[in-house]
Amino acid sequence: MIKVRPFYKDDWPWVQEIYQQGIDTKNATFQQKAKDWAEWNNSVFEQCRLVATEDNTIVGWAALSPVSNRRVYAGVAEVSVYVSNASQGKGIGKLLLSTLVAKSEKAGFWTLQAGIFPENIVSIELHKKCGFRVVGVRKGIGQMDGKWRDVLLLERRSNI
């Protein structure tokens, strides 16, 4: 049975491994190597960090990061959702993202956004199923392996 629970510091090695698996696809992020504990810990909101477990094994994670240090954007966050290679296709991403959306609203976030490579169709569809919509394309926003990549910008506005 798949369960979603809060992230604990002891979960970090599994979260980092799943993060690196996503990075290795070259379609999840511009990041080339999973962040270390201190960098990741300082980059995501403490109150919105989740892991998914199956038979007490961590199989995915989700978290929110600030989009800006400016006070006016205090209720806006960027979404990260990663599922281990071995556990994809089981609905874990949807469970994580829908739980994260609910948790974010309770924490006072009114807008969630995601930057997704257009090639990552599974992630785009997952976000749409959870109420996100495409608001634009950031053409050639960054380089990966010498190639300029586009990123779709998706957002979800809270109904609360």
Protein backbone atom coordinates (compact mmCIF):
# COMPACT_ATOMS: atom_id res chain seq x y z
CA MET A 1 0.00 0.00 0.00
CA ILE A 2 1.27 3.45 -0.93
CA LYS A 3 1.22 6.10 1.79
CA VAL A 4 2.22 9.76 1.84
CA ARG A 5 3.77 11.19 4.97
CA PRO A 6 5.92 14.15 6.01
CA PHE A 7 9.60 14.08 5.10
CA TYR A 8 12.06 13.36 7.93
CA LYS A 9 15.77 14.14 7.79
CA ASP A 10 16.58 10.41 7.87
CA ASP A 11 14.72 10.11 4.53
CA TRP A 12 17.34 12.22 2.78
CA PRO A 13 19.50 9.41 1.26
CA TRP A 14 16.43 7.92 -0.51
CA VAL A 15 15.13 11.34 -1.57
CA GLN A 16 18.55 12.25 -2.95
CA GLU A 17 18.75 8.96 -4.90
CA ILE A 18 15.28 9.44 -6.41
CA TYR A 19 16.21 13.04 -7.24
CA GLN A 20 19.34 11.82 -9.07
CA GLN A 21 17.28 9.25 -10.99
CA GLY A 22 15.11 12.12 -12.26
CA ILE A 23 18.16 14.20 -13.13
CA ASP A 24 19.63 11.31 -15.09
CA THR A 25 16.61 11.28 -17.44
CA LYS A 26 17.66 14.74 -18.71
CA ASN A 27 13.95 15.67 -18.81
CA ALA A 28 13.24 16.55 -15.17
CA THR A 29 15.49 19.53 -14.38
CA PHE A 30 18.47 21.53 -15.53
CA GLN A 31 20.22 20.36 -12.35
CA GLN A 32 23.15 18.10 -13.27
CA LYS A 33 23.71 16.48 -9.87
CA ALA A 34 21.43 16.02 -6.88
CA LYS A 35 21.94 18.69 -4.27
CA ASP A 36 23.60 17.76 -1.02
CA TRP A 37 21.59 17.79 2.21
CA ALA A 38 22.41 21.37 3.24
CA GLU A 39 21.63 22.84 -0.18
CA TRP A 40 18.36 20.91 -0.56
CA ASN A 41 17.28 21.58 3.02
CA ASN A 42 17.83 25.32 2.54
CA SER A 43 16.04 25.38 -0.81
CA VAL A 44 12.65 23.89 0.10
CA PHE A 45 9.96 24.96 2.56
CA GLU A 46 10.09 22.88 5.71
CA GLN A 47 6.29 22.69 6.09
CA CYS A 48 5.74 21.31 2.56
CA ARG A 49 8.01 18.28 2.17
CA LEU A 50 6.48 14.87 1.58
CA VAL A 51 7.57 11.34 0.81
CA ALA A 52 5.60 8.43 -0.58
CA THR A 53 6.27 4.99 0.81
CA GLU A 54 5.40 1.52 -0.35
CA ASP A 55 6.06 -1.30 2.11
CA ASN A 56 8.08 1.17 4.23
CA THR A 57 10.36 2.00 1.28
CA ILE A 58 10.52 5.57 0.01
CA VAL A 59 9.38 5.57 -3.63
CA GLY A 60 8.85 9.28 -4.28
CA TRP A 61 8.97 12.77 -2.85
CA ALA A 62 7.47 16.21 -3.35
CA ALA A 63 8.37 19.63 -1.99
CA LEU A 64 7.80 23.34 -2.47
CA SER A 65 10.51 25.93 -3.05
CA PRO A 66 10.24 29.71 -2.92
CA VAL A 67 10.11 31.49 -6.28
CA SER A 68 11.42 34.75 -4.83
CA ASN A 69 12.68 36.27 -1.60
CA ARG A 70 10.40 39.27 -2.09
CA ARG A 71 7.63 39.44 0.51
CA VAL A 72 4.90 39.93 -2.11
CA TYR A 73 5.60 36.39 -3.41
CA ALA A 74 5.39 34.73 0.02
CA GLY A 75 2.35 32.70 -1.08
CA VAL A 76 3.84 31.52 -4.36
CA ALA A 77 5.95 28.38 -4.58
CA GLU A 78 7.53 26.08 -7.14
CA VAL A 79 6.61 22.40 -7.10
CA SER A 80 9.02 19.46 -7.31
CA VAL A 81 7.68 15.92 -7.66
CA TYR A 82 9.89 12.89 -8.22
CA VAL A 83 9.03 9.18 -8.32
CA SER A 84 11.63 6.41 -8.37
CA ASN A 85 12.19 4.72 -11.72
CA ALA A 86 10.97 1.39 -10.35
CA SER A 87 7.72 2.86 -9.03
CA GLN A 88 6.48 4.93 -11.94
CA GLY A 89 3.05 4.28 -13.39
CA LYS A 90 1.40 3.44 -10.06
CA GLY A 91 -0.27 6.80 -9.38
CA ILE A 92 2.38 7.83 -6.85
CA GLY A 93 3.06 11.17 -8.55
CA LYS A 94 -0.63 12.07 -8.49
CA LEU A 95 -0.96 11.07 -4.85
CA LEU A 96 2.10 13.14 -3.90
CA LEU A 97 1.09 16.19 -5.93
CA SER A 98 -2.54 16.22 -4.79
CA THR A 99 -1.42 15.86 -1.16
CA LEU A 100 1.14 18.63 -1.63
CA VAL A 101 -1.53 20.92 -3.13
CA ALA A 102 -3.81 20.36 -0.11
CA LYS A 103 -0.93 20.88 2.32
CA SER A 104 0.18 24.03 0.50
CA GLU A 105 -3.27 25.57 0.79
CA LYS A 106 -3.38 24.87 4.52
CA ALA A 107 0.03 26.55 4.78
CA GLY A 108 -1.25 29.70 3.03
CA PHE A 109 0.13 29.29 -0.48
CA TRP A 110 -2.19 30.68 -3.17
CA THR A 111 -0.19 29.94 -6.32
CA LEU A 112 1.89 26.92 -7.21
CA GLN A 113 4.00 26.85 -10.32
CA ALA A 114 6.03 24.25 -12.16
CA GLY A 115 8.63 24.51 -14.89
CA ILE A 116 8.53 21.38 -17.04
CA PHE A 117 10.41 20.44 -20.19
CA PRO A 118 7.90 19.98 -23.06
CA GLU A 119 9.31 16.48 -23.64
CA ASN A 120 8.20 15.43 -20.14
CA ILE A 121 4.64 14.68 -21.22
CA VAL A 122 3.89 12.45 -18.22
CA SER A 123 4.73 15.27 -15.79
CA ILE A 124 2.72 17.82 -17.77
CA GLU A 125 -0.34 15.55 -17.75
CA LEU A 126 0.11 14.83 -14.04
CA HIS A 127 0.12 18.54 -13.23
CA LYS A 128 -2.92 19.18 -15.42
CA LYS A 129 -4.82 16.40 -13.58
CA CYS A 130 -4.04 18.24 -10.33
CA GLY A 131 -5.42 21.57 -11.52
CA PHE A 132 -2.38 23.17 -13.15
CA ARG A 133 -2.62 24.92 -16.51
CA VAL A 134 0.05 25.92 -19.00
CA VAL A 135 0.53 29.68 -18.87
CA GLY A 136 3.44 29.97 -21.27
CA VAL A 137 6.62 28.69 -22.82
CA ARG A 138 10.01 29.97 -21.79
CA LYS A 139 11.84 29.56 -25.12
CA GLY A 140 15.48 28.54 -24.88
CA ILE A 141 15.61 29.48 -21.19
CA GLY A 142 18.68 27.36 -20.40
CA GLN A 143 21.29 25.08 -21.87
CA MET A 144 21.74 21.40 -21.21
CA ASP A 145 24.55 19.48 -22.84
CA GLY A 146 25.11 22.36 -25.27
CA LYS A 147 21.47 22.51 -26.39
CA TRP A 148 19.03 25.31 -25.56
CA ARG A 149 15.92 23.91 -23.89
CA ASP A 150 12.40 25.29 -23.61
CA VAL A 151 10.45 25.06 -20.36
CA LEU A 152 6.67 25.14 -20.05
CA LEU A 153 5.44 27.27 -17.16
CA LEU A 154 2.40 25.77 -15.43
CA GLU A 155 0.51 27.24 -12.50
CA ARG A 156 -2.29 26.36 -10.15
CA ARG A 157 -4.24 29.02 -8.29
CA SER A 158 -5.85 28.05 -5.01
CA ASN A 159 -9.62 28.10 -4.80
CA ILE A 160 -9.42 28.95 -1.11
